[in-house]
Amino acid sequence: MNDNAPHFLQPTLVGETVELQPLHQNHASALLDAAADGQLWNMKVTVVPGPETVDKYIAFALEGRQLGTMMPFVIVRRDTGLLVGSTRFWKIDRANRKLEIGHTWLSQSVQRSGVNTEAKYLLLVHAFEIMQSVRVQFTTDELNEKSREAILRIGAKQEGIVRHERIMPDGRKRNSIRFSIIDSEWPDVKAMLQEKIARPSLR
């Protein structure tokens, strides 16, 4: 398979306000425009593509997709057609029916707008109901309070701290917080997310 036929490798996930489309090479310019909204590549607690790193960022994601360990998406607003961020399934373990949702970032102007809630809902529906996952995990920087709060808001449970889980681009040895949702919890989490999507004041 090659990058010219991403639909063979992963689906497009369509919601009311956002659409998650398979990432491909010609998204580079739109990714940079989205990341420029807030100069997100300057953040120290996550990795967002910038002008010097976007090609490597995409190449890494596409390689993971071809290996079957990742499904990278771009997040597109349906009302404007604008790309406003990226997310992905990764660490896909089909034998044990588990995966991680991560590498998620959003343009500053759509943060806390409901875009993240619906994007995570679409991913979780696909993970639990199509891929039949028994576990979906999330990992974020111990220092990234916004991300930690966002993960808790979608119904994940905190499991603990993974010390020195990765080395960041600036050389910092990062401690990470691990969260998860398991299959028995999914029905309640799904109902909660549906209510949040239907009632914006709950987001």
Protein backbone atom coordinates (compact mmCIF):
# COMPACT_ATOMS: atom_id res chain seq x y z
CA MET A 1 0.00 0.00 0.00
CA ASN A 2 1.16 3.56 -0.55
CA ASP A 3 0.22 7.03 0.61
CA ASN A 4 -1.80 7.64 -2.54
CA ALA A 5 -4.48 5.25 -1.31
CA PRO A 6 -4.94 5.98 2.41
CA HIS A 7 -8.60 4.92 2.33
CA PHE A 8 -7.45 1.30 1.97
CA LEU A 9 -5.57 1.57 5.24
CA GLN A 10 -7.93 3.49 7.49
CA PRO A 11 -11.38 5.05 7.38
CA THR A 12 -12.62 8.62 7.44
CA LEU A 13 -14.59 9.21 10.65
CA VAL A 14 -17.44 11.69 10.22
CA GLY A 15 -19.23 13.52 13.03
CA GLU A 16 -21.64 16.43 13.25
CA THR A 17 -19.02 19.18 13.31
CA VAL A 18 -15.69 17.48 12.57
CA GLU A 19 -14.31 14.93 10.17
CA LEU A 20 -11.21 12.85 10.84
CA GLN A 21 -9.49 12.19 7.53
CA PRO A 22 -6.47 9.95 6.94
CA LEU A 23 -3.27 11.98 7.05
CA HIS A 24 -1.29 12.15 3.82
CA GLN A 25 1.70 14.01 2.47
CA ASN A 26 -0.19 16.88 0.86
CA HIS A 27 -1.56 17.92 4.26
CA ALA A 28 1.82 19.47 5.16
CA SER A 29 0.91 23.07 4.35
CA ALA A 30 -2.48 22.89 6.07
CA LEU A 31 -0.90 21.28 9.16
CA LEU A 32 1.53 24.18 9.41
CA ASP A 33 -1.30 26.70 9.05
CA ALA A 34 -3.22 24.96 11.84
CA ALA A 35 -0.17 24.80 14.11
CA ALA A 36 0.60 28.47 13.43
CA ASP A 37 -2.67 29.32 15.22
CA GLY A 38 -0.99 29.68 18.61
CA GLN A 39 2.55 28.88 17.40
CA LEU A 40 2.02 25.43 18.84
CA TRP A 41 5.41 24.10 17.74
CA ASN A 42 6.95 26.20 20.53
CA MET A 43 5.20 24.17 23.24
CA LYS A 44 7.54 22.23 25.52
CA VAL A 45 5.00 19.68 26.76
CA THR A 46 4.00 18.14 23.42
CA VAL A 47 5.35 17.69 19.91
CA VAL A 48 3.57 19.68 17.18
CA PRO A 49 4.94 19.96 13.63
CA GLY A 50 6.72 23.18 12.70
CA PRO A 51 8.31 24.44 9.48
CA GLU A 52 11.51 22.44 10.11
CA THR A 53 9.87 19.24 11.33
CA VAL A 54 6.59 18.77 9.43
CA ASP A 55 8.04 16.47 6.75
CA LYS A 56 9.60 14.18 9.36
CA TYR A 57 6.36 14.29 11.39
CA ILE A 58 4.31 13.10 8.42
CA ALA A 59 6.87 10.51 7.29
CA PHE A 60 6.93 8.93 10.76
CA ALA A 61 3.11 8.74 10.84
CA LEU A 62 2.85 7.26 7.35
CA GLU A 63 5.51 4.66 8.12
CA GLY A 64 3.53 3.63 11.19
CA ARG A 65 0.40 3.30 9.11
CA GLN A 66 2.12 1.04 6.59
CA LEU A 67 3.43 -1.11 9.45
CA GLY A 68 -0.10 -1.37 10.86
CA THR A 69 0.79 0.20 14.22
CA MET A 70 -0.73 3.64 13.59
CA MET A 71 -3.76 5.33 12.05
CA PRO A 72 -2.90 9.05 11.77
CA PHE A 73 -5.71 11.54 11.12
CA VAL A 74 -6.14 15.23 10.43
CA ILE A 75 -9.06 16.98 12.12
CA VAL A 76 -11.19 19.05 9.73
CA ARG A 77 -14.08 21.34 10.61
CA ARG A 78 -17.03 20.41 8.45
CA ASP A 79 -18.51 23.94 8.34
CA THR A 80 -15.37 25.62 7.00
CA GLY A 81 -13.35 22.72 5.57
CA LEU A 82 -10.35 23.99 7.53
CA LEU A 83 -7.81 21.59 9.01
CA VAL A 84 -7.59 22.43 12.72
CA GLY A 85 -5.38 19.71 14.17
CA SER A 86 -4.25 16.12 14.17
CA THR A 87 -4.66 12.94 16.19
CA ARG A 88 -3.97 9.25 15.77
CA PHE A 89 -4.34 5.70 16.95
CA TRP A 90 -0.91 4.33 17.70
CA LYS A 91 0.72 1.48 19.61
CA ILE A 92 -1.96 -0.65 17.94
CA ASP A 93 -1.71 -4.18 19.37
CA ARG A 94 -4.22 -6.31 17.48
CA ALA A 95 -3.37 -9.54 19.30
CA ASN A 96 -4.26 -8.01 22.67
CA ARG A 97 -6.94 -5.71 21.20
CA LYS A 98 -5.52 -2.52 22.67
CA LEU A 99 -4.25 0.79 21.35
CA GLU A 100 -3.41 4.34 22.35
CA ILE A 101 -5.01 7.59 21.23
CA GLY A 102 -2.35 10.27 21.12
CA HIS A 103 -0.34 12.84 19.20
CA THR A 104 -3.44 15.03 19.52
CA TRP A 105 -3.18 18.77 19.08
CA LEU A 106 -5.61 21.51 18.07
CA SER A 107 -5.28 25.04 16.77
CA GLN A 108 -5.52 27.47 19.66
CA SER A 109 -8.76 29.01 18.35
CA VAL A 110 -10.69 25.70 18.57
CA GLN A 111 -9.40 24.51 21.93
CA ARG A 112 -12.26 24.04 24.44
CA SER A 113 -14.76 24.46 21.57
CA GLY A 114 -16.13 20.90 21.51
CA VAL A 115 -13.86 19.84 18.64
CA ASN A 116 -11.74 17.66 20.93
CA THR A 117 -14.77 16.05 22.55
CA GLU A 118 -16.29 15.01 19.23
CA ALA A 119 -12.96 13.90 17.77
CA LYS A 120 -12.30 11.67 20.79
CA TYR A 121 -15.86 10.34 20.60
CA LEU A 122 -15.39 9.33 16.95
CA LEU A 123 -12.07 7.65 17.74
CA LEU A 124 -13.46 5.78 20.74
CA VAL A 125 -16.51 4.53 18.84
CA HIS A 126 -14.21 3.17 16.15
CA ALA A 127 -11.79 1.67 18.67
CA PHE A 128 -14.37 -0.13 20.80
CA GLU A 129 -17.15 -0.89 18.32
CA ILE A 130 -15.29 -1.50 15.04
CA MET A 131 -11.84 -2.61 16.15
CA GLN A 132 -13.29 -4.40 19.20
CA SER A 133 -10.64 -3.01 21.52
CA VAL A 134 -10.69 -4.03 25.16
CA ARG A 135 -8.44 -1.15 26.24
CA VAL A 136 -7.76 2.36 24.94
CA GLN A 137 -5.03 4.29 26.68
CA PHE A 138 -3.86 7.89 26.71
CA THR A 139 -0.47 9.25 27.77
CA THR A 140 0.44 12.86 28.42
CA ASP A 141 3.27 14.89 29.90
CA GLU A 142 3.16 15.18 33.68
CA LEU A 143 3.56 18.95 33.17
CA ASN A 144 0.71 19.28 30.63
CA GLU A 145 -2.18 20.22 32.90
CA LYS A 146 -4.51 21.16 30.03
CA SER A 147 -4.08 17.77 28.41
CA ARG A 148 -4.54 15.94 31.72
CA GLU A 149 -7.79 17.80 32.36
CA ALA A 150 -9.03 17.14 28.80
CA ILE A 151 -8.38 13.40 29.11
CA LEU A 152 -10.24 13.21 32.41
CA ARG A 153 -13.16 15.16 30.88
CA ILE A 154 -13.72 12.46 28.27
CA GLY A 155 -14.10 9.81 30.95
CA ALA A 156 -10.67 8.17 31.12
CA LYS A 157 -9.29 6.99 34.46
CA GLN A 158 -5.80 7.91 35.61
CA GLU A 159 -3.60 4.87 36.23
CA GLY A 160 -0.28 6.32 37.32
CA ILE A 161 3.00 8.00 36.43
CA VAL A 162 5.46 6.39 34.02
CA ARG A 163 8.84 7.84 34.98
CA HIS A 164 11.24 8.99 32.26
CA GLU A 165 8.81 7.58 29.69
CA ARG A 166 10.41 9.48 26.81
CA ILE A 167 13.03 12.11 25.99
CA MET A 168 11.61 15.34 24.61
CA PRO A 169 13.17 17.27 21.69
CA ASP A 170 14.86 19.66 24.13
CA GLY A 171 16.47 16.73 25.98
CA ARG A 172 14.15 16.74 29.00
CA LYS A 173 13.45 13.29 30.46
CA ARG A 174 9.67 13.33 30.56
CA ASN A 175 7.52 11.71 33.21
CA SER A 176 4.18 10.76 31.67
CA ILE A 177 0.71 10.24 33.12
CA ARG A 178 -1.12 7.16 31.83
CA PHE A 179 -4.92 7.00 31.56
CA SER A 180 -7.26 4.39 30.13
CA ILE A 181 -10.81 3.41 29.25
CA ILE A 182 -11.63 -0.31 29.18
CA ASP A 183 -14.40 -2.07 27.32
CA SER A 184 -16.69 -2.50 30.35
CA GLU A 185 -16.57 1.27 30.95
CA TRP A 186 -17.28 2.21 27.35
CA PRO A 187 -21.12 2.24 27.46
CA ASP A 188 -21.16 4.80 30.29
CA VAL A 189 -18.38 6.87 28.72
CA LYS A 190 -20.22 6.82 25.39
CA ALA A 191 -23.46 8.05 26.95
CA MET A 192 -21.60 10.85 28.76
CA LEU A 193 -19.82 11.98 25.61
CA GLN A 194 -23.05 11.93 23.59
CA GLU A 195 -24.65 14.20 26.17
CA LYS A 196 -21.68 16.57 26.09
CA ILE A 197 -21.84 16.77 22.31
CA ALA A 198 -25.60 17.41 22.40
CA ARG A 199 -25.29 20.03 25.17
CA PRO A 200 -22.31 22.35 24.49
CA SER A 201 -22.53 23.87 27.98
CA LEU A 202 -21.26 20.52 29.37
CA ARG A 203 -18.06 20.49 27.33
